[in-house]
Amino acid sequence: QWQLVESGGGSVQPGGSLRLSCKVTGFSLGSYAAGWFRQAPGKEREGITCVSSDNGNNLYYKDSMKGRFTISINNARNTMYLQIDSLKPEDTAVYYCAAEVSCGPNLVLPGPFASWGQGTQVTVSS
């Protein structure tokens, strides 16, 4: 059974940083494309970044998300990370990781059989 568990969210002031984690069990993270998404209150879910299925050799970002978001994976720990720097109030959202995503240049979409974590809340306010 696939399981994805996010952690690392919290409340931070504008300009701060957070590193979110996504611990995966039930499959090898590098064998499937995986990515990060977020959903702000009253808005649709949006893709942020993803890693390819070839052991994460390729990293992709939505054009609108380039610059402050950094994805990485640790294959030994079967964990994916999202570093968010220079946080802004508009980054406030629930952040989700997912596996089996469509992943490419400016392409971060959940696949029809994507598996999701439960989400972790990020709140940015002064």
Foldseek 3Di string as FASTA:
>chain_A
DKAWAKDWADEEAAQAKTKMKIQIPDDQLLQWKKFKWWDAPPGDIDTAKIAHNNHRPDIEGQPVNPDFWDWDDDRVRSMIMIMGGRDDQVVFTWMKMKTRFDHDHNGTGHDPPIDIHPTDTHGYHD
